[in-house]
Amino acid sequence: MKAHIGILDKEERSFEFNQRDFKTVQKLIYEHAGIRLSDAKQDMVYSRMIRRLRATGLNSFADYLRLIETDKAEWEAFVNSLTTNLTSFFREEYHFPMLAEFLKQKSGQIRIWCSAASTGEEPYSIAMTVIDALGADADRVEIVATDIDTSVLAKAEAGVYSEDRIERIDAKYKKYFLKGSGSRAGLVRVKPEVQRLVSFRQLNLLALDWPVEGEFDVLFCRNVLIYFDKETQRKVLERFIPLMCRDGLLFIGHSESLLHLSELFKLRGKTVYELRQTGKMT
């Protein structure tokens, strides 16, 4: 997640950011990305968007909001600035042993979709779990990693991180990183054997078309639903159903629940769900 910016006194603001501007931002990001910004987020939005005003050389938020209506590249930068990317390797670690056991029980090709890849720590954690669980058979697993934010996807594809990002992971997984030296000292890079299991692509969960097809044995959608209202959650999760194998698993975040969708999904483990077969859509 981008660092939280404390509340700003209006006197400290370089540009006026009035209630009308904020309401426009709320409407745009909700309609495009399903993210509902509470009124308490006005200062956070100012802090993130002011960087875009300075980058574009504009002098008012009203001018900037008019610009993104016609400038596709700046629209993308606007969305990127407001998305949240809190992640780490093996975050919510209790999910990965369950994933490993599930993989060992599966035969043939296995497909996994990580639908909120952020800067890559989650899909690479999945890939390392795959290799650790399946060994030489890891190549029968395909991991598709998507995110709405194009800037974090570029970092994810590079697979380069500061060394402190892997300090707390299990020692058995540290072998999957290469340490930098010289000008790259203090950095680590994910090994090619891990990277080749993962393909990255941009995807907006609210878009009409998703650049994914076929069925997935495992679907990670962790710590995404909390930014959506109940109606948007249902729309997204209903679209997941035809993309899941009948015995597939859906992993969600520790603070999320599908109790309001119990007719579609049933609990399998700690924030891990499977389809209710009556809920399978075609």
Protein backbone atom coordinates (compact mmCIF):
# COMPACT_ATOMS: atom_id res chain seq x y z
CA MET A 1 0.00 0.00 0.00
CA LYS A 2 1.27 3.41 -0.76
CA ALA A 3 2.28 5.16 2.44
CA HIS A 4 -0.59 6.76 4.31
CA ILE A 5 -0.35 10.52 4.25
CA GLY A 6 -1.49 12.31 7.34
CA ILE A 7 -4.30 14.82 7.30
CA LEU A 8 -3.25 18.06 5.67
CA ASP A 9 -4.24 21.46 6.91
CA LYS A 10 -5.91 23.42 4.14
CA GLU A 11 -3.30 26.14 4.63
CA GLU A 12 -0.60 23.63 3.59
CA ARG A 13 -2.26 22.79 0.28
CA SER A 14 -0.63 24.17 -2.84
CA PHE A 15 -3.88 23.95 -4.85
CA GLU A 16 -7.53 24.17 -3.97
CA PHE A 17 -9.23 20.77 -3.80
CA ASN A 18 -12.89 21.43 -3.14
CA GLN A 19 -15.78 19.12 -2.36
CA ARG A 20 -16.94 19.09 -5.97
CA ASP A 21 -13.51 17.93 -7.15
CA PHE A 22 -13.44 15.19 -4.53
CA LYS A 23 -16.96 13.99 -5.42
CA THR A 24 -15.88 13.76 -9.06
CA VAL A 25 -12.88 11.63 -8.07
CA GLN A 26 -15.09 9.40 -5.92
CA LYS A 27 -17.49 8.87 -8.81
CA LEU A 28 -14.78 8.18 -11.41
CA ILE A 29 -12.80 5.64 -9.36
CA TYR A 30 -15.96 3.85 -8.25
CA GLU A 31 -17.35 3.56 -11.77
CA HIS A 32 -14.03 2.47 -13.26
CA ALA A 33 -12.46 0.32 -10.54
CA GLY A 34 -15.25 -0.39 -8.06
CA ILE A 35 -13.29 1.34 -5.29
CA ARG A 36 -15.51 3.21 -2.87
CA LEU A 37 -13.64 6.12 -1.32
CA SER A 38 -15.17 7.31 1.94
CA ASP A 39 -15.47 11.02 2.65
CA ALA A 40 -12.65 10.59 5.19
CA LYS A 41 -10.25 9.89 2.30
CA GLN A 42 -10.29 13.43 0.88
CA ASP A 43 -6.87 14.34 2.28
CA MET A 44 -5.36 11.07 1.09
CA VAL A 45 -6.73 11.67 -2.41
CA TYR A 46 -5.28 15.19 -2.44
CA SER A 47 -1.88 13.90 -1.39
CA ARG A 48 -1.75 11.33 -4.16
CA MET A 49 -3.26 13.45 -6.92
CA ILE A 50 -1.12 16.51 -6.27
CA ARG A 51 1.81 14.56 -7.73
CA ARG A 52 -0.09 14.17 -10.99
CA LEU A 53 -0.89 17.90 -11.12
CA ARG A 54 2.78 18.70 -10.74
CA ALA A 55 3.79 16.08 -13.30
CA THR A 56 1.37 17.50 -15.87
CA GLY A 57 2.12 21.14 -15.08
CA LEU A 58 -1.53 21.98 -14.45
CA ASN A 59 -2.65 24.57 -11.94
CA SER A 60 -6.00 23.24 -10.76
CA PHE A 61 -7.74 19.96 -10.02
CA ALA A 62 -10.60 21.02 -12.26
CA ASP A 63 -8.17 21.26 -15.21
CA TYR A 64 -6.68 17.87 -14.31
CA LEU A 65 -10.07 16.18 -14.15
CA ARG A 66 -10.87 17.58 -17.59
CA LEU A 67 -7.53 16.29 -18.90
CA ILE A 68 -8.14 12.67 -17.89
CA GLU A 69 -11.37 12.67 -19.88
CA THR A 70 -9.37 12.76 -23.12
CA ASP A 71 -5.82 11.62 -22.23
CA LYS A 72 -5.70 7.82 -21.97
CA ALA A 73 -2.18 7.72 -20.54
CA GLU A 74 -3.01 10.24 -17.84
CA TRP A 75 -6.25 8.39 -17.05
CA GLU A 76 -4.12 5.31 -16.39
CA ALA A 77 -1.79 7.34 -14.15
CA PHE A 78 -4.83 8.69 -12.28
CA VAL A 79 -6.12 5.18 -11.56
CA ASN A 80 -2.65 3.98 -10.60
CA SER A 81 -2.31 6.83 -8.10
CA LEU A 82 -5.48 5.82 -6.25
CA THR A 83 -5.08 2.06 -6.11
CA THR A 84 -3.67 0.42 -3.00
CA ASN A 85 -0.74 -2.00 -3.15
CA LEU A 86 0.00 -3.39 0.30
CA THR A 87 1.69 -6.75 -0.17
CA SER A 88 4.54 -8.96 0.99
CA PHE A 89 6.00 -12.38 0.31
CA PHE A 90 3.91 -15.15 1.90
CA ARG A 91 1.46 -12.69 3.36
CA GLU A 92 -1.22 -14.57 5.32
CA GLU A 93 1.12 -17.54 5.36
CA TYR A 94 -1.52 -20.04 6.55
CA HIS A 95 -2.89 -20.17 2.99
CA PHE A 96 0.23 -21.61 1.42
CA PRO A 97 0.37 -25.03 3.16
CA MET A 98 -3.25 -25.56 2.11
CA LEU A 99 -2.36 -24.58 -1.44
CA ALA A 100 0.57 -27.03 -1.40
CA GLU A 101 -1.61 -29.94 -0.25
CA PHE A 102 -4.21 -29.12 -2.87
CA LEU A 103 -1.57 -29.09 -5.60
CA LYS A 104 -0.17 -32.47 -4.56
CA GLN A 105 -3.61 -34.02 -4.95
CA LYS A 106 -4.11 -32.70 -8.47
CA SER A 107 -3.03 -34.48 -11.63
CA GLY A 108 -2.51 -33.03 -15.09
CA GLN A 109 -2.27 -29.33 -15.88
CA ILE A 110 -3.04 -26.87 -13.09
CA ARG A 111 -4.04 -23.25 -13.63
CA ILE A 112 -3.88 -20.55 -10.96
CA TRP A 113 -5.13 -16.98 -11.24
CA CYS A 114 -3.79 -14.31 -8.89
CA SER A 115 -6.23 -11.47 -9.55
CA ALA A 116 -4.49 -8.73 -7.52
CA ALA A 117 -0.80 -9.26 -8.25
CA SER A 118 0.39 -5.82 -7.12
CA THR A 119 4.21 -5.70 -7.24
CA GLY A 120 4.51 -9.47 -7.63
CA GLU A 121 5.14 -10.78 -4.12
CA GLU A 122 1.93 -12.81 -4.04
CA PRO A 123 2.20 -14.59 -7.42
CA TYR A 124 5.89 -15.31 -6.80
CA SER A 125 5.01 -16.75 -3.37
CA ILE A 126 2.50 -18.98 -5.15
CA ALA A 127 5.15 -20.02 -7.68
CA MET A 128 7.66 -20.87 -4.95
CA THR A 129 5.00 -22.94 -3.20
CA VAL A 130 4.33 -24.75 -6.48
CA ILE A 131 8.02 -25.62 -6.97
CA ASP A 132 8.45 -26.68 -3.36
CA ALA A 133 5.35 -28.90 -3.50
CA LEU A 134 5.73 -30.43 -6.97
CA GLY A 135 9.45 -30.33 -7.71
CA ALA A 136 10.13 -31.41 -11.29
CA ASP A 137 6.39 -31.41 -11.99
CA ALA A 138 6.11 -27.67 -11.36
CA ASP A 139 6.09 -26.99 -15.10
CA ARG A 140 2.57 -28.37 -15.35
CA VAL A 141 1.36 -25.32 -13.42
CA GLU A 142 0.45 -22.02 -15.10
CA ILE A 143 0.06 -18.90 -12.96
CA VAL A 144 -1.75 -15.90 -14.44
CA ALA A 145 -1.18 -12.72 -12.44
CA THR A 146 -3.25 -9.60 -13.08
CA ASP A 147 -3.70 -6.14 -11.60
CA ILE A 148 -5.44 -2.92 -12.58
CA ASP A 149 -2.29 -0.87 -11.85
CA THR A 150 0.15 -0.92 -14.76
CA SER A 151 2.98 0.64 -12.76
CA VAL A 152 3.07 -2.15 -10.19
CA LEU A 153 2.88 -4.78 -12.93
CA ALA A 154 6.09 -3.41 -14.44
CA LYS A 155 7.83 -3.88 -11.09
CA ALA A 156 6.33 -7.35 -10.73
CA GLU A 157 7.63 -8.46 -14.13
CA ALA A 158 11.12 -7.22 -13.25
CA GLY A 159 11.08 -9.34 -10.09
CA VAL A 160 13.65 -7.16 -8.29
CA TYR A 161 13.17 -6.25 -4.62
CA SER A 162 15.11 -4.80 -1.73
CA GLU A 163 16.78 -7.53 0.32
CA ASP A 164 14.84 -6.65 3.45
CA ARG A 165 11.64 -7.81 1.70
CA ILE A 166 12.73 -11.42 2.14
CA GLU A 167 14.26 -11.22 5.62
CA ARG A 168 11.29 -12.81 7.36
CA ILE A 169 10.33 -15.52 4.90
CA ASP A 170 11.03 -19.19 5.61
CA ALA A 171 14.68 -20.05 4.93
CA LYS A 172 13.69 -22.74 2.43
CA TYR A 173 12.30 -20.09 0.09
CA LYS A 174 15.33 -17.77 0.17
CA LYS A 175 17.08 -20.09 -2.28
CA TYR A 176 14.71 -18.81 -4.98
CA PHE A 177 16.37 -15.37 -4.99
CA LEU A 178 19.63 -14.11 -6.46
CA LYS A 179 21.52 -11.52 -4.40
CA GLY A 180 22.78 -8.42 -6.13
CA SER A 181 26.38 -7.22 -5.90
CA GLY A 182 28.24 -4.04 -6.71
CA SER A 183 25.74 -1.36 -7.73
CA ARG A 184 22.96 -3.92 -7.13
CA ALA A 185 23.99 -4.69 -3.56
CA GLY A 186 21.03 -4.72 -1.20
CA LEU A 187 18.73 -6.02 -3.93
CA VAL A 188 17.48 -9.51 -4.73
CA ARG A 189 15.97 -10.92 -7.90
CA VAL A 190 13.51 -13.77 -8.26
CA LYS A 191 15.20 -16.70 -10.00
CA PRO A 192 14.18 -17.52 -13.60
CA GLU A 193 12.73 -20.90 -12.56
CA VAL A 194 10.18 -19.01 -10.46
CA GLN A 195 9.53 -16.21 -12.94
CA ARG A 196 8.82 -18.52 -15.86
CA LEU A 197 5.77 -19.96 -14.08
CA VAL A 198 4.08 -16.56 -13.94
CA SER A 199 2.64 -14.41 -16.73
CA PHE A 200 1.54 -10.87 -15.93
CA ARG A 201 -1.20 -8.86 -17.62
CA GLN A 202 -3.34 -5.82 -16.87
CA LEU A 203 -6.92 -6.50 -15.85
CA ASN A 204 -9.65 -4.39 -14.29
CA LEU A 205 -12.10 -6.57 -12.37
CA LEU A 206 -14.87 -4.15 -13.34
CA ALA A 207 -14.09 -4.21 -17.06
CA LEU A 208 -16.60 -5.81 -19.42
CA ASP A 209 -13.93 -8.07 -20.90
CA TRP A 210 -11.31 -9.96 -18.94
CA PRO A 211 -8.15 -11.13 -20.77
CA VAL A 212 -8.37 -14.57 -19.13
CA GLU A 213 -10.11 -17.67 -20.39
CA GLY A 214 -10.63 -21.31 -19.55
CA GLU A 215 -11.01 -22.67 -16.03
CA PHE A 216 -8.75 -22.22 -13.02
CA ASP A 217 -8.06 -24.73 -10.28
CA VAL A 218 -7.10 -21.99 -7.83
CA LEU A 219 -8.12 -18.35 -7.70
CA PHE A 220 -6.51 -15.80 -5.36
CA CYS A 221 -8.52 -12.63 -4.76
CA ARG A 222 -7.09 -11.53 -1.45
CA ASN A 223 -7.66 -8.13 0.16
CA VAL A 224 -9.48 -6.77 -2.86
CA LEU A 225 -13.14 -7.27 -1.93
CA ILE A 226 -12.79 -4.97 1.09
CA TYR A 227 -12.58 -2.00 -1.31
CA PHE A 228 -15.87 -2.94 -3.01
CA ASP A 229 -19.42 -2.53 -1.78
CA LYS A 230 -21.60 -5.65 -1.46
CA GLU A 231 -23.19 -5.18 -4.88
CA THR A 232 -19.82 -4.93 -6.62
CA GLN A 233 -18.48 -7.89 -4.66
CA ARG A 234 -21.36 -10.02 -5.89
CA LYS A 235 -20.87 -8.97 -9.51
CA VAL A 236 -17.17 -9.83 -9.45
CA LEU A 237 -17.59 -13.12 -7.62
CA GLU A 238 -20.41 -14.26 -9.89
CA ARG A 239 -18.07 -13.71 -12.83
CA PHE A 240 -15.44 -15.86 -11.12
CA ILE A 241 -17.75 -18.87 -10.97
CA PRO A 242 -17.64 -19.99 -14.64
CA LEU A 243 -13.85 -19.52 -14.56
CA MET A 244 -13.40 -21.97 -11.66
CA CYS A 245 -13.07 -25.73 -11.90
CA ARG A 246 -15.78 -27.62 -10.04
CA ASP A 247 -13.32 -28.57 -7.29
CA GLY A 248 -11.44 -25.26 -7.44
CA LEU A 249 -10.43 -23.14 -4.47
CA LEU A 250 -10.95 -19.41 -3.94
CA PHE A 251 -8.59 -17.68 -1.50
CA ILE A 252 -9.68 -14.32 -0.05
CA GLY A 253 -8.16 -11.96 2.53
CA HIS A 254 -8.16 -12.39 6.30
CA SER A 255 -10.65 -9.54 6.85
CA GLU A 256 -13.02 -10.66 4.10
CA SER A 257 -15.99 -13.02 4.16
CA LEU A 258 -18.43 -14.54 1.70
CA LEU A 259 -21.23 -15.13 4.20
CA HIS A 260 -23.49 -12.90 2.13
CA LEU A 261 -22.85 -15.20 -0.86
CA SER A 262 -23.35 -18.52 0.93
CA GLU A 263 -25.62 -19.76 -1.88
CA LEU A 264 -22.61 -19.58 -4.24
CA PHE A 265 -19.60 -20.48 -2.08
CA LYS A 266 -18.98 -22.61 0.98
CA LEU A 267 -16.12 -22.36 3.44
CA ARG A 268 -13.34 -24.93 2.99
CA GLY A 269 -10.70 -23.51 5.36
CA LYS A 270 -9.57 -20.22 6.89
CA THR A 271 -10.80 -17.68 4.30
CA VAL A 272 -10.65 -20.39 1.63
CA TYR A 273 -13.84 -21.22 -0.27
CA GLU A 274 -15.10 -23.71 -2.82
CA LEU A 275 -18.11 -23.63 -5.09
CA ARG A 276 -21.49 -24.81 -4.04
CA GLN A 277 -22.22 -27.01 -7.02
CA THR A 278 -25.72 -25.56 -7.37
CA GLY A 279 -24.04 -22.17 -7.84
CA LYS A 280 -21.98 -23.22 -10.86
CA MET A 281 -22.87 -20.99 -13.81
CA THR A 282 -22.43 -21.81 -17.47
